[in-house]
Amino acid sequence: MAREVEFQDDDVLVTSRNPLKGTLLLITDDDDEVELQLDKETAEALMSALGAFLMEGVVGPL
């Protein structure tokens, strides 16, 4: 079952630098916490997806 979560402007908690790993805390509507586990490859993919998302809001030529 899919759950809606919200980013609360928290920083990524780095748990390892080599290899790079961390967690990003997300909060559900009923205040449950969801930890998004990140590694370097996952973080890069997320950045790419967020960039594509933001480009959807661009109107007109860049």
PDB file of N, CA and C in Angstrom:
ATOM      1  N   MET A   1       0.842  -1.178   0.000  1.00  0.00           N
ATOM      2  CA  MET A   1       0.000   0.000   0.000  1.00  0.00           C
ATOM      3  C   MET A   1       0.891   1.245   0.000  1.00  0.00           C
ATOM      4  N   ALA A   2       0.618   2.150  -0.880  1.00  0.00           N
ATOM      5  CA  ALA A   2       1.396   3.392  -0.966  1.00  0.00           C
ATOM      6  C   ALA A   2       1.008   4.332   0.177  1.00  0.00           C
ATOM      7  N   ARG A   3       2.016   5.040   0.687  1.00  0.00           N
ATOM      8  CA  ARG A   3       1.777   6.022   1.744  1.00  0.00           C
ATOM      9  C   ARG A   3       2.297   7.368   1.270  1.00  0.00           C
ATOM     10  N   GLU A   4       1.584   8.416   1.609  1.00  0.00           N
ATOM     11  CA  GLU A   4       2.054   9.760   1.308  1.00  0.00           C
ATOM     12  C   GLU A   4       2.943  10.230   2.443  1.00  0.00           C
ATOM     13  N   VAL A   5       4.094  10.782   2.079  1.00  0.00           N
ATOM     14  CA  VAL A   5       5.027  11.303   3.070  1.00  0.00           C
ATOM     15  C   VAL A   5       5.426  12.718   2.679  1.00  0.00           C
ATOM     16  N   GLU A   6       5.936  13.450   3.630  1.00  0.00           N
ATOM     17  CA  GLU A   6       6.303  14.844   3.414  1.00  0.00           C
ATOM     18  C   GLU A   6       7.733  15.077   3.885  1.00  0.00           C
ATOM     19  N   PHE A   7       8.474  15.839   3.104  1.00  0.00           N
ATOM     20  CA  PHE A   7       9.824  16.249   3.474  1.00  0.00           C
ATOM     21  C   PHE A   7       9.707  17.428   4.422  1.00  0.00           C
ATOM     22  N   GLN A   8      10.430  17.393   5.545  1.00  0.00           N
ATOM     23  CA  GLN A   8      10.313  18.416   6.585  1.00  0.00           C
ATOM     24  C   GLN A   8      11.525  19.347   6.666  1.00  0.00           C
ATOM     25  N   ASP A   9      12.285  19.484   5.587  1.00  0.00           N
ATOM     26  CA  ASP A   9      13.475  20.334   5.564  1.00  0.00           C
ATOM     27  C   ASP A   9      14.588  19.846   6.483  1.00  0.00           C
ATOM     28  N   ASP A  10      14.605  18.556   6.784  1.00  0.00           N
ATOM     29  CA  ASP A  10      15.689  18.002   7.586  1.00  0.00           C
ATOM     30  C   ASP A  10      16.895  17.726   6.703  1.00  0.00           C
ATOM     31  N   ASP A  11      18.059  17.736   7.290  1.00  0.00           N
ATOM     32  CA  ASP A  11      19.271  17.383   6.567  1.00  0.00           C
ATOM     33  C   ASP A  11      19.375  15.868   6.435  1.00  0.00           C
ATOM     34  N   VAL A  12      20.154  15.428   5.477  1.00  0.00           N
ATOM     35  CA  VAL A  12      20.464  14.011   5.352  1.00  0.00           C
ATOM     36  C   VAL A  12      21.450  13.644   6.458  1.00  0.00           C
ATOM     37  N   LEU A  13      21.154  12.594   7.177  1.00  0.00           N
ATOM     38  CA  LEU A  13      22.059  12.100   8.204  1.00  0.00           C
ATOM     39  C   LEU A  13      23.046  11.155   7.536  1.00  0.00           C
ATOM     40  N   VAL A  14      24.313  11.552   7.479  1.00  0.00           N
ATOM     41  CA  VAL A  14      25.348  10.725   6.862  1.00  0.00           C
ATOM     42  C   VAL A  14      25.760   9.659   7.872  1.00  0.00           C
ATOM     43  N   THR A  15      25.606   8.402   7.475  1.00  0.00           N
ATOM     44  CA  THR A  15      25.959   7.297   8.360  1.00  0.00           C
ATOM     45  C   THR A  15      27.295   6.668   7.986  1.00  0.00           C
ATOM     46  N   SER A  16      27.782   6.940   6.767  1.00  0.00           N
ATOM     47  CA  SER A  16      29.069   6.428   6.317  1.00  0.00           C
ATOM     48  C   SER A  16      29.578   7.340   5.201  1.00  0.00           C
ATOM     49  N   ARG A  17      30.864   7.615   5.214  1.00  0.00           N
ATOM     50  CA  ARG A  17      31.454   8.434   4.153  1.00  0.00           C
ATOM     51  C   ARG A  17      32.137   7.589   3.080  1.00  0.00           C
ATOM     52  N   ASN A  18      32.558   6.383   3.431  1.00  0.00           N
ATOM     53  CA  ASN A  18      33.207   5.525   2.449  1.00  0.00           C
ATOM     54  C   ASN A  18      32.810   4.083   2.734  1.00  0.00           C
ATOM     55  N   PRO A  19      31.785   3.537   2.105  1.00  0.00           N
ATOM     56  CA  PRO A  19      31.021   4.136   1.019  1.00  0.00           C
ATOM     57  C   PRO A  19      30.010   5.149   1.556  1.00  0.00           C
ATOM     58  N   LEU A  20      29.624   6.094   0.719  1.00  0.00           N
ATOM     59  CA  LEU A  20      28.691   7.139   1.118  1.00  0.00           C
ATOM     60  C   LEU A  20      27.296   6.543   1.311  1.00  0.00           C
ATOM     61  N   LYS A  21      26.771   6.697   2.535  1.00  0.00           N
ATOM     62  CA  LYS A  21      25.429   6.226   2.880  1.00  0.00           C
ATOM     63  C   LYS A  21      24.809   7.198   3.867  1.00  0.00           C
ATOM     64  N   GLY A  22      23.475   7.273   3.849  1.00  0.00           N
ATOM     65  CA  GLY A  22      22.781   8.132   4.786  1.00  0.00           C
ATOM     66  C   GLY A  22      21.295   7.878   4.785  1.00  0.00           C
ATOM     67  N   THR A  23      20.590   8.650   5.606  1.00  0.00           N
ATOM     68  CA  THR A  23      19.136   8.544   5.687  1.00  0.00           C
ATOM     69  C   THR A  23      18.519   9.939   5.629  1.00  0.00           C
ATOM     70  N   LEU A  24      17.343   9.999   5.048  1.00  0.00           N
ATOM     71  CA  LEU A  24      16.563  11.227   4.956  1.00  0.00           C
ATOM     72  C   LEU A  24      15.228  10.944   5.611  1.00  0.00           C
ATOM     73  N   LEU A  25      14.866  11.740   6.604  1.00  0.00           N
ATOM     74  CA  LEU A  25      13.636  11.520   7.363  1.00  0.00           C
ATOM     75  C   LEU A  25      12.452  12.145   6.640  1.00  0.00           C
ATOM     76  N   LEU A  26      11.395  11.358   6.460  1.00  0.00           N
ATOM     77  CA  LEU A  26      10.134  11.820   5.892  1.00  0.00           C
ATOM     78  C   LEU A  26       9.038  11.542   6.913  1.00  0.00           C
ATOM     79  N   ILE A  27       7.967  12.348   6.899  1.00  0.00           N
ATOM     80  CA  ILE A  27       6.889  12.227   7.877  1.00  0.00           C
ATOM     81  C   ILE A  27       5.567  11.970   7.149  1.00  0.00           C
ATOM     82  N   THR A  28       4.792  11.019   7.657  1.00  0.00           N
ATOM     83  CA  THR A  28       3.484  10.716   7.082  1.00  0.00           C
ATOM     84  C   THR A  28       2.433  11.675   7.648  1.00  0.00           C
ATOM     85  N   ASP A  29       1.233  11.619   7.073  1.00  0.00           N
ATOM     86  CA  ASP A  29       0.134  12.462   7.551  1.00  0.00           C
ATOM     87  C   ASP A  29      -0.228  12.185   9.008  1.00  0.00           C
ATOM     88  N   ASP A  30      -0.020  10.940   9.446  1.00  0.00           N
ATOM     89  CA  ASP A  30      -0.327  10.616  10.845  1.00  0.00           C
ATOM     90  C   ASP A  30       0.927  10.639  11.721  1.00  0.00           C
ATOM     91  N   ASP A  31       1.925  11.432  11.299  1.00  0.00           N
ATOM     92  CA  ASP A  31       3.155  11.704  12.054  1.00  0.00           C
ATOM     93  C   ASP A  31       4.054  10.489  12.283  1.00  0.00           C
ATOM     94  N   ASP A  32       3.891   9.445  11.470  1.00  0.00           N
ATOM     95  CA  ASP A  32       4.850   8.347  11.514  1.00  0.00           C
ATOM     96  C   ASP A  32       6.096   8.775  10.752  1.00  0.00           C
ATOM     97  N   GLU A  33       7.235   8.266  11.167  1.00  0.00           N
ATOM     98  CA  GLU A  33       8.493   8.589  10.502  1.00  0.00           C
ATOM     99  C   GLU A  33       8.857   7.496   9.503  1.00  0.00           C
ATOM    100  N   VAL A  34       9.338   7.918   8.340  1.00  0.00           N
ATOM    101  CA  VAL A  34       9.834   7.006   7.314  1.00  0.00           C
ATOM    102  C   VAL A  34      11.252   7.446   7.003  1.00  0.00           C
ATOM    103  N   GLU A  35      12.205   6.528   7.136  1.00  0.00           N
ATOM    104  CA  GLU A  35      13.588   6.841   6.816  1.00  0.00           C
ATOM    105  C   GLU A  35      13.897   6.357   5.403  1.00  0.00           C
ATOM    106  N   LEU A  36      14.266   7.273   4.534  1.00  0.00           N
ATOM    107  CA  LEU A  36      14.678   6.943   3.182  1.00  0.00           C
ATOM    108  C   LEU A  36      16.169   6.659   3.211  1.00  0.00           C
ATOM    109  N   GLN A  37      16.548   5.412   2.937  1.00  0.00           N
ATOM    110  CA  GLN A  37      17.950   5.022   2.935  1.00  0.00           C
ATOM    111  C   GLN A  37      18.587   5.455   1.626  1.00  0.00           C
ATOM    112  N   LEU A  38      19.724   6.123   1.711  1.00  0.00           N
ATOM    113  CA  LEU A  38      20.411   6.622   0.524  1.00  0.00           C
ATOM    114  C   LEU A  38      21.826   6.072   0.443  1.00  0.00           C
ATOM    115  N   ASP A  39      22.249   5.798  -0.770  1.00  0.00           N
ATOM    116  CA  ASP A  39      23.656   5.583  -1.066  1.00  0.00           C
ATOM    117  C   ASP A  39      23.988   6.539  -2.218  1.00  0.00           C
ATOM    118  N   LYS A  40      25.223   6.557  -2.653  1.00  0.00           N
ATOM    119  CA  LYS A  40      25.627   7.532  -3.665  1.00  0.00           C
ATOM    120  C   LYS A  40      24.795   7.401  -4.943  1.00  0.00           C
ATOM    121  N   GLU A  41      24.618   6.183  -5.423  1.00  0.00           N
ATOM    122  CA  GLU A  41      23.883   5.964  -6.662  1.00  0.00           C
ATOM    123  C   GLU A  41      22.406   6.360  -6.527  1.00  0.00           C
ATOM    124  N   THR A  42      21.801   6.010  -5.398  1.00  0.00           N
ATOM    125  CA  THR A  42      20.399   6.364  -5.157  1.00  0.00           C
ATOM    126  C   THR A  42      20.233   7.877  -5.052  1.00  0.00           C
ATOM    127  N   ALA A  43      21.154   8.550  -4.365  1.00  0.00           N
ATOM    128  CA  ALA A  43      21.091  10.001  -4.221  1.00  0.00           C
ATOM    129  C   ALA A  43      21.238  10.685  -5.586  1.00  0.00           C
ATOM    130  N   GLU A  44      22.134  10.172  -6.431  1.00  0.00           N
ATOM    131  CA  GLU A  44      22.296  10.738  -7.773  1.00  0.00           C
ATOM    132  C   GLU A  44      21.027  10.560  -8.602  1.00  0.00           C
ATOM    133  N   ALA A  45      20.397   9.389  -8.513  1.00  0.00           N
ATOM    134  CA  ALA A  45      19.154   9.140  -9.239  1.00  0.00           C
ATOM    135  C   ALA A  45      18.037  10.051  -8.732  1.00  0.00           C
ATOM    136  N   LEU A  46      17.979  10.258  -7.412  1.00  0.00           N
ATOM    137  CA  LEU A  46      16.972  11.141  -6.832  1.00  0.00           C
ATOM    138  C   LEU A  46      17.183  12.580  -7.294  1.00  0.00           C
ATOM    139  N   MET A  47      18.433  13.041  -7.322  1.00  0.00           N
ATOM    140  CA  MET A  47      18.736  14.396  -7.802  1.00  0.00           C
ATOM    141  C   MET A  47      18.301  14.563  -9.255  1.00  0.00           C
ATOM    142  N   SER A  48      18.537  13.557 -10.079  1.00  0.00           N
ATOM    143  CA  SER A  48      18.140  13.603 -11.485  1.00  0.00           C
ATOM    144  C   SER A  48      16.617  13.685 -11.619  1.00  0.00           C
ATOM    145  N   ALA A  49      15.918  12.858 -10.839  1.00  0.00           N
ATOM    146  CA  ALA A  49      14.454  12.863 -10.878  1.00  0.00           C
ATOM    147  C   ALA A  49      13.893  14.193 -10.383  1.00  0.00           C
ATOM    148  N   LEU A  50      14.488  14.771  -9.341  1.00  0.00           N
ATOM    149  CA  LEU A  50      14.028  16.065  -8.836  1.00  0.00           C
ATOM    150  C   LEU A  50      14.290  17.174  -9.845  1.00  0.00           C
ATOM    151  N   GLY A  51      15.432  17.120 -10.516  1.00  0.00           N
ATOM    152  CA  GLY A  51      15.729  18.105 -11.560  1.00  0.00           C
ATOM    153  C   GLY A  51      14.713  18.038 -12.689  1.00  0.00           C
ATOM    154  N   ALA A  52      14.380  16.821 -13.123  1.00  0.00           N
ATOM    155  CA  ALA A  52      13.372  16.645 -14.175  1.00  0.00           C
ATOM    156  C   ALA A  52      12.015  17.161 -13.710  1.00  0.00           C
ATOM    157  N   PHE A  53      11.668  16.900 -12.447  1.00  0.00           N
ATOM    158  CA  PHE A  53      10.416  17.390 -11.887  1.00  0.00           C
ATOM    159  C   PHE A  53      10.361  18.915 -11.917  1.00  0.00           C
ATOM    160  N   LEU A  54      11.437  19.570 -11.480  1.00  0.00           N
ATOM    161  CA  LEU A  54      11.473  21.025 -11.452  1.00  0.00           C
ATOM    162  C   LEU A  54      11.403  21.623 -12.852  1.00  0.00           C
ATOM    163  N   MET A  55      11.967  20.943 -13.821  1.00  0.00           N
ATOM    164  CA  MET A  55      11.922  21.427 -15.206  1.00  0.00           C
ATOM    165  C   MET A  55      10.491  21.418 -15.751  1.00  0.00           C
ATOM    166  N   GLU A  56       9.641  20.566 -15.212  1.00  0.00           N
ATOM    167  CA  GLU A  56       8.230  20.537 -15.623  1.00  0.00           C
ATOM    168  C   GLU A  56       7.520  21.850 -15.319  1.00  0.00           C
ATOM    169  N   GLY A  57       8.028  22.583 -14.339  1.00  0.00           N
ATOM    170  CA  GLY A  57       7.410  23.855 -13.964  1.00  0.00           C
ATOM    171  C   GLY A  57       7.958  25.051 -14.709  1.00  0.00           C
ATOM    172  N   VAL A  58       8.955  24.830 -15.563  1.00  0.00           N
ATOM    173  CA  VAL A  58       9.552  25.934 -16.320  1.00  0.00           C
ATOM    174  C   VAL A  58       8.659  26.241 -17.516  1.00  0.00           C
ATOM    175  N   VAL A  59       8.312  27.518 -17.658  1.00  0.00           N
ATOM    176  CA  VAL A  59       7.469  27.956 -18.773  1.00  0.00           C
ATOM    177  C   VAL A  59       8.316  28.826 -19.694  1.00  0.00           C
ATOM    178  N   GLY A  60       8.322  28.492 -20.976  1.00  0.00           N
ATOM    179  CA  GLY A  60       9.068  29.295 -21.955  1.00  0.00           C
ATOM    180  C   GLY A  60      10.522  28.877 -22.055  1.00  0.00           C
ATOM    181  N   PRO A  61      11.266  29.549 -22.935  1.00  0.00           N
ATOM    182  CA  PRO A  61      12.668  29.187 -23.144  1.00  0.00           C
ATOM    183  C   PRO A  61      13.516  29.509 -21.928  1.00  0.00           C
ATOM    184  N   LEU A  62      14.577  28.723 -21.772  1.00  0.00           N
ATOM    185  CA  LEU A  62      15.491  28.941 -20.648  1.00  0.00           C
ATOM    186  C   LEU A  62      16.460  30.037 -20.927  1.00  0.00           C
TER     187      LEU A  62
END
